[in-house]
PDB file of N, CA and C in Angstrom:
ATOM      1  N   MET A   1       0.845  -1.177   0.005  1.00  0.00           N
ATOM      2  CA  MET A   1       0.002   0.000   0.002  1.00  0.00           C
ATOM      3  C   MET A   1       0.880   1.223   0.002  1.00  0.00           C
ATOM      4  N   PHE A   2       0.588   2.147  -0.846  1.00  0.00           N
ATOM      5  CA  PHE A   2       1.402   3.363  -0.930  1.00  0.00           C
ATOM      6  C   PHE A   2       0.792   4.482  -0.117  1.00  0.00           C
ATOM      7  N   GLN A   3       1.611   5.422   0.258  1.00  0.00           N
ATOM      8  CA  GLN A   3       1.131   6.568   1.029  1.00  0.00           C
ATOM      9  C   GLN A   3       0.576   7.631   0.105  1.00  0.00           C
ATOM     10  N   SER A   4       1.271   7.937  -0.953  1.00  0.00           N
ATOM     11  CA  SER A   4       0.802   8.919  -1.920  1.00  0.00           C
ATOM     12  C   SER A   4       1.534   8.707  -3.236  1.00  0.00           C
ATOM     13  N   ILE A   5       1.006   9.301  -4.276  1.00  0.00           N
ATOM     14  CA  ILE A   5       1.657   9.241  -5.579  1.00  0.00           C
ATOM     15  C   ILE A   5       2.502  10.491  -5.783  1.00  0.00           C
ATOM     16  N   ALA A   6       1.914  11.641  -5.535  1.00  0.00           N
ATOM     17  CA  ALA A   6       2.566  12.893  -5.906  1.00  0.00           C
ATOM     18  C   ALA A   6       3.029  13.730  -4.714  1.00  0.00           C
ATOM     19  N   GLY A   7       2.682  13.364  -3.506  1.00  0.00           N
ATOM     20  CA  GLY A   7       3.184  14.067  -2.338  1.00  0.00           C
ATOM     21  C   GLY A   7       2.227  15.062  -1.710  1.00  0.00           C
ATOM     22  N   THR A   8       1.253  15.549  -2.464  1.00  0.00           N
ATOM     23  CA  THR A   8       0.262  16.459  -1.874  1.00  0.00           C
ATOM     24  C   THR A   8      -1.131  16.002  -2.272  1.00  0.00           C
ATOM     25  N   GLU A   9      -2.106  16.373  -1.473  1.00  0.00           N
ATOM     26  CA  GLU A   9      -3.486  15.991  -1.771  1.00  0.00           C
ATOM     27  C   GLU A   9      -3.941  16.560  -3.107  1.00  0.00           C
ATOM     28  N   GLY A  10      -3.568  17.809  -3.371  1.00  0.00           N
ATOM     29  CA  GLY A  10      -3.952  18.433  -4.640  1.00  0.00           C
ATOM     30  C   GLY A  10      -3.383  17.714  -5.842  1.00  0.00           C
ATOM     31  N   ALA A  11      -2.103  17.357  -5.760  1.00  0.00           N
ATOM     32  CA  ALA A  11      -1.471  16.647  -6.866  1.00  0.00           C
ATOM     33  C   ALA A  11      -2.050  15.249  -7.017  1.00  0.00           C
ATOM     34  N   ASN A  12      -2.297  14.573  -5.891  1.00  0.00           N
ATOM     35  CA  ASN A  12      -2.922  13.251  -5.965  1.00  0.00           C
ATOM     36  C   ASN A  12      -4.283  13.337  -6.618  1.00  0.00           C
ATOM     37  N   SER A  13      -5.058  14.373  -6.286  1.00  0.00           N
ATOM     38  CA  SER A  13      -6.387  14.553  -6.891  1.00  0.00           C
ATOM     39  C   SER A  13      -6.279  14.672  -8.410  1.00  0.00           C
ATOM     40  N   ALA A  14      -5.219  15.320  -8.890  1.00  0.00           N
ATOM     41  CA  ALA A  14      -5.025  15.452 -10.333  1.00  0.00           C
ATOM     42  C   ALA A  14      -4.830  14.083 -10.989  1.00  0.00           C
ATOM     43  N   PHE A  15      -4.315  13.109 -10.229  1.00  0.00           N
ATOM     44  CA  PHE A  15      -4.147  11.744 -10.728  1.00  0.00           C
ATOM     45  C   PHE A  15      -5.374  10.878 -10.466  1.00  0.00           C
ATOM     46  N   GLY A  16      -6.399  11.455  -9.817  1.00  0.00           N
ATOM     47  CA  GLY A  16      -7.601  10.686  -9.505  1.00  0.00           C
ATOM     48  C   GLY A  16      -7.514   9.903  -8.211  1.00  0.00           C
ATOM     49  N   VAL A  17      -6.519  10.230  -7.372  1.00  0.00           N
ATOM     50  CA  VAL A  17      -6.342   9.541  -6.096  1.00  0.00           C
ATOM     51  C   VAL A  17      -6.931  10.415  -4.998  1.00  0.00           C
ATOM     52  N   SER A  18      -7.888   9.871  -4.260  1.00  0.00           N
ATOM     53  CA  SER A  18      -8.549  10.615  -3.185  1.00  0.00           C
ATOM     54  C   SER A  18      -8.354   9.884  -1.855  1.00  0.00           C
ATOM     55  N   ILE A  19      -8.694  10.583  -0.787  1.00  0.00           N
ATOM     56  CA  ILE A  19      -8.629   9.966   0.547  1.00  0.00           C
ATOM     57  C   ILE A  19      -9.518   8.727   0.581  1.00  0.00           C
ATOM     58  N   SER A  20     -10.709   8.819   0.024  1.00  0.00           N
ATOM     59  CA  SER A  20     -11.612   7.665   0.055  1.00  0.00           C
ATOM     60  C   SER A  20     -11.043   6.485  -0.735  1.00  0.00           C
ATOM     61  N   LEU A  21     -10.371   6.752  -1.841  1.00  0.00           N
ATOM     62  CA  LEU A  21      -9.749   5.677  -2.609  1.00  0.00           C
ATOM     63  C   LEU A  21      -8.625   5.016  -1.805  1.00  0.00           C
ATOM     64  N   LEU A  22      -7.806   5.831  -1.115  1.00  0.00           N
ATOM     65  CA  LEU A  22      -6.743   5.279  -0.281  1.00  0.00           C
ATOM     66  C   LEU A  22      -7.307   4.466   0.882  1.00  0.00           C
ATOM     67  N   GLU A  23      -8.406   4.936   1.472  1.00  0.00           N
ATOM     68  CA  GLU A  23      -9.050   4.194   2.564  1.00  0.00           C
ATOM     69  C   GLU A  23      -9.595   2.864   2.056  1.00  0.00           C
ATOM     70  N   GLU A  24     -10.185   2.875   0.857  1.00  0.00           N
ATOM     71  CA  GLU A  24     -10.710   1.644   0.275  1.00  0.00           C
ATOM     72  C   GLU A  24      -9.576   0.652  -0.009  1.00  0.00           C
ATOM     73  N   ALA A  25      -8.467   1.140  -0.532  1.00  0.00           N
ATOM     74  CA  ALA A  25      -7.317   0.285  -0.806  1.00  0.00           C
ATOM     75  C   ALA A  25      -6.741  -0.277   0.488  1.00  0.00           C
ATOM     76  N   ASN A  26      -6.685   0.541   1.524  1.00  0.00           N
ATOM     77  CA  ASN A  26      -6.185   0.099   2.822  1.00  0.00           C
ATOM     78  C   ASN A  26      -7.069  -1.013   3.383  1.00  0.00           C
ATOM     79  N   ALA A  27      -8.379  -0.833   3.309  1.00  0.00           N
ATOM     80  CA  ALA A  27      -9.303  -1.846   3.813  1.00  0.00           C
ATOM     81  C   ALA A  27      -9.149  -3.156   3.034  1.00  0.00           C
ATOM     82  N   ALA A  28      -8.983  -3.051   1.718  1.00  0.00           N
ATOM     83  CA  ALA A  28      -8.816  -4.253   0.899  1.00  0.00           C
ATOM     84  C   ALA A  28      -7.525  -4.974   1.257  1.00  0.00           C
ATOM     85  N   ALA A  29      -6.446  -4.216   1.476  1.00  0.00           N
ATOM     86  CA  ALA A  29      -5.165  -4.823   1.843  1.00  0.00           C
ATOM     87  C   ALA A  29      -5.277  -5.541   3.189  1.00  0.00           C
ATOM     88  N   ARG A  30      -5.980  -4.937   4.126  1.00  0.00           N
ATOM     89  CA  ARG A  30      -6.162  -5.564   5.443  1.00  0.00           C
ATOM     90  C   ARG A  30      -6.973  -6.858   5.320  1.00  0.00           C
ATOM     91  N   GLU A  31      -8.020  -6.828   4.503  1.00  0.00           N
ATOM     92  CA  GLU A  31      -8.837  -8.033   4.316  1.00  0.00           C
ATOM     93  C   GLU A  31      -8.028  -9.170   3.720  1.00  0.00           C
ATOM     94  N   LEU A  32      -7.081  -8.828   2.847  1.00  0.00           N
ATOM     95  CA  LEU A  32      -6.259  -9.844   2.206  1.00  0.00           C
ATOM     96  C   LEU A  32      -5.039 -10.223   3.036  1.00  0.00           C
ATOM     97  N   GLY A  33      -4.897  -9.573   4.189  1.00  0.00           N
ATOM     98  CA  GLY A  33      -3.762  -9.867   5.046  1.00  0.00           C
ATOM     99  C   GLY A  33      -2.470  -9.293   4.519  1.00  0.00           C
ATOM    100  N   ARG A  34      -2.541  -8.190   3.757  1.00  0.00           N
ATOM    101  CA  ARG A  34      -1.348  -7.595   3.145  1.00  0.00           C
ATOM    102  C   ARG A  34      -0.999  -6.247   3.753  1.00  0.00           C
ATOM    103  N   ALA A  35      -1.567  -5.944   4.902  1.00  0.00           N
ATOM    104  CA  ALA A  35      -1.251  -4.682   5.576  1.00  0.00           C
ATOM    105  C   ALA A  35       0.162  -4.767   6.140  1.00  0.00           C
ATOM    106  N   PRO A  36       0.870  -3.641   6.146  1.00  0.00           N
ATOM    107  CA  PRO A  36       2.230  -3.641   6.714  1.00  0.00           C
ATOM    108  C   PRO A  36       2.217  -4.094   8.171  1.00  0.00           C
ATOM    109  N   SER A  37       3.288  -4.696   8.598  1.00  0.00           N
ATOM    110  CA  SER A  37       3.429  -5.171   9.968  1.00  0.00           C
ATOM    111  C   SER A  37       3.225  -4.038  10.973  1.00  0.00           C
ATOM    112  N   GLY A  38       2.444  -4.304  12.016  1.00  0.00           N
ATOM    113  CA  GLY A  38       2.214  -3.323  13.065  1.00  0.00           C
ATOM    114  C   GLY A  38       1.090  -2.343  12.793  1.00  0.00           C
ATOM    115  N   THR A  39       0.311  -2.525  11.714  1.00  0.00           N
ATOM    116  CA  THR A  39      -0.744  -1.581  11.394  1.00  0.00           C
ATOM    117  C   THR A  39      -2.139  -2.144  11.560  1.00  0.00           C
ATOM    118  N   THR A  40      -2.243  -3.376  12.040  1.00  0.00           N
ATOM    119  CA  THR A  40      -3.562  -3.977  12.192  1.00  0.00           C
ATOM    120  C   THR A  40      -4.205  -3.631  13.495  1.00  0.00           C
TER     121      THR A  40
END
């Protein structure tokens, strides 16, 4: 799971990456057991 693509929320938005998309990806990674160690 990545933290950001471009470094700022505005730049990420230009790539179509939003907070809700990152939250959805995080939830999916946790469900698959692929969350980084110590983040569960």
